[in-house]
Amino acid sequence: MNQVKNVATAMSNGNFTLRADSNQPGEIGELGQAINDLAADLDRSISALMTERNRLRQILDNLSEGIIAVN
């Protein structure tokens, strides 16, 4: 159970590379698998957001004309 807690703590600090042992019997293994799935989903989502942010930043940085934002 401590390993699952350590993985969850790492995730809360932005580290999505650690994985819990999902081979444990019963609910602990299910919890470990759920944590692993969540970490993988968050890693993919954050990577996609960073890619999009970088793409938009490149577009804005390379504009030769100004932009006016209106709400």
N, C-alpha and C. Protein backbone atom coordinates (compact mmCIF):
# COMPACT_ATOMS: atom_id res chain seq x y z
N MET A 1 0.83 -1.20 0.00
CA MET A 1 0.00 0.00 0.00
C MET A 1 0.87 1.25 0.00
N ASN A 2 2.03 1.17 0.63
CA ASN A 2 2.93 2.33 0.68
C ASN A 2 3.39 2.73 -0.72
N GLN A 3 3.59 1.73 -1.58
CA GLN A 3 4.06 2.02 -2.94
C GLN A 3 3.00 2.82 -3.70
N VAL A 4 1.73 2.46 -3.54
CA VAL A 4 0.64 3.18 -4.21
C VAL A 4 0.62 4.63 -3.72
N LYS A 5 0.81 4.81 -2.42
CA LYS A 5 0.85 6.17 -1.85
C LYS A 5 2.02 6.96 -2.43
N ASN A 6 3.16 6.33 -2.56
CA ASN A 6 4.35 7.00 -3.11
C ASN A 6 4.11 7.42 -4.56
N VAL A 7 3.46 6.56 -5.34
CA VAL A 7 3.16 6.89 -6.73
C VAL A 7 2.18 8.05 -6.79
N ALA A 8 1.13 8.02 -5.95
CA ALA A 8 0.16 9.11 -5.91
C ALA A 8 0.82 10.42 -5.50
N THR A 9 1.73 10.36 -4.55
CA THR A 9 2.46 11.57 -4.12
C THR A 9 3.32 12.10 -5.25
N ALA A 10 4.00 11.21 -5.95
CA ALA A 10 4.83 11.64 -7.09
C ALA A 10 3.96 12.30 -8.15
N MET A 11 2.79 11.73 -8.40
CA MET A 11 1.88 12.31 -9.40
C MET A 11 1.44 13.71 -8.98
N SER A 12 1.17 13.89 -7.70
CA SER A 12 0.74 15.22 -7.23
C SER A 12 1.85 16.25 -7.38
N ASN A 13 3.09 15.79 -7.49
CA ASN A 13 4.23 16.67 -7.70
C ASN A 13 4.62 16.79 -9.18
N GLY A 14 3.80 16.20 -10.06
CA GLY A 14 4.05 16.32 -11.50
C GLY A 14 4.87 15.21 -12.10
N ASN A 15 5.20 14.20 -11.33
CA ASN A 15 5.99 13.08 -11.85
C ASN A 15 5.04 11.94 -12.21
N PHE A 16 4.86 11.71 -13.51
CA PHE A 16 3.94 10.68 -13.97
C PHE A 16 4.67 9.45 -14.50
N THR A 17 5.93 9.30 -14.14
CA THR A 17 6.73 8.19 -14.66
C THR A 17 6.69 6.96 -13.76
N LEU A 18 6.39 7.16 -12.48
CA LEU A 18 6.36 6.02 -11.55
C LEU A 18 5.10 5.21 -11.76
N ARG A 19 5.19 3.91 -11.49
CA ARG A 19 4.04 3.01 -11.60
C ARG A 19 3.93 2.18 -10.33
N ALA A 20 2.69 1.91 -9.96
CA ALA A 20 2.41 1.09 -8.79
C ALA A 20 2.39 -0.38 -9.21
N ASP A 21 2.59 -1.25 -8.24
CA ASP A 21 2.54 -2.70 -8.49
C ASP A 21 1.07 -3.12 -8.55
N SER A 22 0.60 -3.41 -9.75
CA SER A 22 -0.81 -3.79 -9.92
C SER A 22 -0.99 -5.30 -9.81
N ASN A 23 0.06 -6.03 -9.47
CA ASN A 23 -0.01 -7.48 -9.33
C ASN A 23 -0.42 -7.92 -7.93
N GLN A 24 -0.64 -6.96 -7.03
CA GLN A 24 -1.07 -7.30 -5.68
C GLN A 24 -2.50 -7.86 -5.73
N PRO A 25 -2.84 -8.74 -4.82
CA PRO A 25 -4.19 -9.32 -4.85
C PRO A 25 -5.26 -8.34 -4.39
N GLY A 26 -6.44 -8.50 -4.93
CA GLY A 26 -7.61 -7.76 -4.45
C GLY A 26 -7.60 -6.30 -4.79
N GLU A 27 -8.19 -5.53 -3.88
CA GLU A 27 -8.40 -4.10 -4.10
C GLU A 27 -7.10 -3.32 -4.22
N ILE A 28 -6.05 -3.77 -3.55
CA ILE A 28 -4.77 -3.06 -3.64
C ILE A 28 -4.24 -3.13 -5.07
N GLY A 29 -4.33 -4.28 -5.70
CA GLY A 29 -3.90 -4.41 -7.10
C GLY A 29 -4.78 -3.58 -8.03
N GLU A 30 -6.09 -3.57 -7.76
CA GLU A 30 -7.01 -2.76 -8.57
C GLU A 30 -6.71 -1.28 -8.41
N LEU A 31 -6.42 -0.87 -7.18
CA LEU A 31 -6.05 0.52 -6.92
C LEU A 31 -4.75 0.87 -7.63
N GLY A 32 -3.79 -0.04 -7.57
CA GLY A 32 -2.53 0.19 -8.27
C GLY A 32 -2.73 0.35 -9.76
N GLN A 33 -3.58 -0.48 -10.36
CA GLN A 33 -3.86 -0.38 -11.79
C GLN A 33 -4.57 0.92 -12.12
N ALA A 34 -5.52 1.33 -11.26
CA ALA A 34 -6.23 2.59 -11.49
C ALA A 34 -5.26 3.78 -11.42
N ILE A 35 -4.34 3.75 -10.47
CA ILE A 35 -3.33 4.81 -10.35
C ILE A 35 -2.45 4.83 -11.59
N ASN A 36 -2.05 3.65 -12.05
CA ASN A 36 -1.21 3.57 -13.25
C ASN A 36 -1.94 4.11 -14.48
N ASP A 37 -3.22 3.76 -14.62
CA ASP A 37 -4.01 4.27 -15.74
C ASP A 37 -4.14 5.78 -15.68
N LEU A 38 -4.39 6.29 -14.49
CA LEU A 38 -4.51 7.74 -14.30
C LEU A 38 -3.21 8.45 -14.64
N ALA A 39 -2.09 7.89 -14.20
CA ALA A 39 -0.79 8.49 -14.49
C ALA A 39 -0.53 8.53 -15.99
N ALA A 40 -0.86 7.45 -16.69
CA ALA A 40 -0.65 7.40 -18.14
C ALA A 40 -1.55 8.41 -18.85
N ASP A 41 -2.81 8.49 -18.43
CA ASP A 41 -3.74 9.45 -19.04
C ASP A 41 -3.29 10.89 -18.81
N LEU A 42 -2.88 11.20 -17.59
CA LEU A 42 -2.41 12.55 -17.28
C LEU A 42 -1.15 12.90 -18.06
N ASP A 43 -0.25 11.94 -18.18
CA ASP A 43 0.99 12.17 -18.93
C ASP A 43 0.68 12.49 -20.38
N ARG A 44 -0.24 11.72 -21.00
CA ARG A 44 -0.62 11.98 -22.38
C ARG A 44 -1.30 13.34 -22.53
N SER A 45 -2.20 13.67 -21.61
CA SER A 45 -2.92 14.94 -21.69
C SER A 45 -1.98 16.13 -21.53
N ILE A 46 -1.09 16.04 -20.57
CA ILE A 46 -0.15 17.14 -20.34
C ILE A 46 0.81 17.28 -21.52
N SER A 47 1.24 16.18 -22.08
CA SER A 47 2.12 16.24 -23.26
C SER A 47 1.40 16.89 -24.44
N ALA A 48 0.14 16.53 -24.65
CA ALA A 48 -0.64 17.13 -25.74
C ALA A 48 -0.83 18.62 -25.52
N LEU A 49 -1.11 19.02 -24.30
CA LEU A 49 -1.27 20.44 -23.99
C LEU A 49 0.02 21.22 -24.19
N MET A 50 1.13 20.64 -23.79
CA MET A 50 2.41 21.32 -23.97
C MET A 50 2.76 21.44 -25.45
N THR A 51 2.46 20.41 -26.23
CA THR A 51 2.70 20.47 -27.66
C THR A 51 1.88 21.58 -28.29
N GLU A 52 0.62 21.66 -27.92
CA GLU A 52 -0.26 22.71 -28.46
C GLU A 52 0.20 24.10 -28.01
N ARG A 53 0.59 24.22 -26.75
CA ARG A 53 1.09 25.51 -26.26
C ARG A 53 2.32 25.94 -27.05
N ASN A 54 3.24 25.01 -27.28
CA ASN A 54 4.46 25.34 -28.03
C ASN A 54 4.13 25.72 -29.47
N ARG A 55 3.15 25.03 -30.07
CA ARG A 55 2.76 25.35 -31.43
C ARG A 55 2.18 26.77 -31.50
N LEU A 56 1.30 27.09 -30.56
CA LEU A 56 0.70 28.43 -30.54
C LEU A 56 1.75 29.50 -30.24
N ARG A 57 2.67 29.18 -29.36
CA ARG A 57 3.73 30.14 -29.04
C ARG A 57 4.59 30.44 -30.28
N GLN A 58 4.90 29.40 -31.06
CA GLN A 58 5.68 29.60 -32.29
C GLN A 58 4.91 30.47 -33.28
N ILE A 59 3.62 30.23 -33.40
CA ILE A 59 2.81 31.04 -34.31
C ILE A 59 2.84 32.49 -33.87
N LEU A 60 2.60 32.74 -32.60
CA LEU A 60 2.57 34.12 -32.11
C LEU A 60 3.94 34.79 -32.19
N ASP A 61 4.98 34.06 -31.90
CA ASP A 61 6.33 34.63 -31.93
C ASP A 61 6.77 34.99 -33.35
N ASN A 62 6.22 34.30 -34.35
CA ASN A 62 6.65 34.53 -35.72
C ASN A 62 5.71 35.43 -36.51
N LEU A 63 4.73 36.01 -35.86
CA LEU A 63 3.84 36.94 -36.56
C LEU A 63 4.57 38.25 -36.81
N SER A 64 4.40 38.77 -37.99
CA SER A 64 5.02 40.05 -38.30
C SER A 64 4.07 41.22 -38.02
N GLU A 65 2.81 40.91 -37.79
CA GLU A 65 1.81 41.93 -37.47
C GLU A 65 1.33 41.73 -36.05
N GLY A 66 0.72 42.77 -35.50
CA GLY A 66 0.22 42.70 -34.14
C GLY A 66 -1.10 41.95 -34.06
N ILE A 67 -1.48 41.61 -32.85
CA ILE A 67 -2.76 40.93 -32.59
C ILE A 67 -3.49 41.73 -31.52
N ILE A 68 -4.77 41.90 -31.74
CA ILE A 68 -5.62 42.55 -30.73
C ILE A 68 -6.59 41.49 -30.22
N ALA A 69 -6.63 41.31 -28.93
CA ALA A 69 -7.56 40.35 -28.32
C ALA A 69 -8.74 41.14 -27.76
N VAL A 70 -9.94 40.73 -28.13
CA VAL A 70 -11.15 41.40 -27.66
C VAL A 70 -12.02 40.36 -26.98
N ASN A 71 -12.55 40.75 -25.84
CA ASN A 71 -13.42 39.84 -25.11
C ASN A 71 -14.86 40.27 -25.26
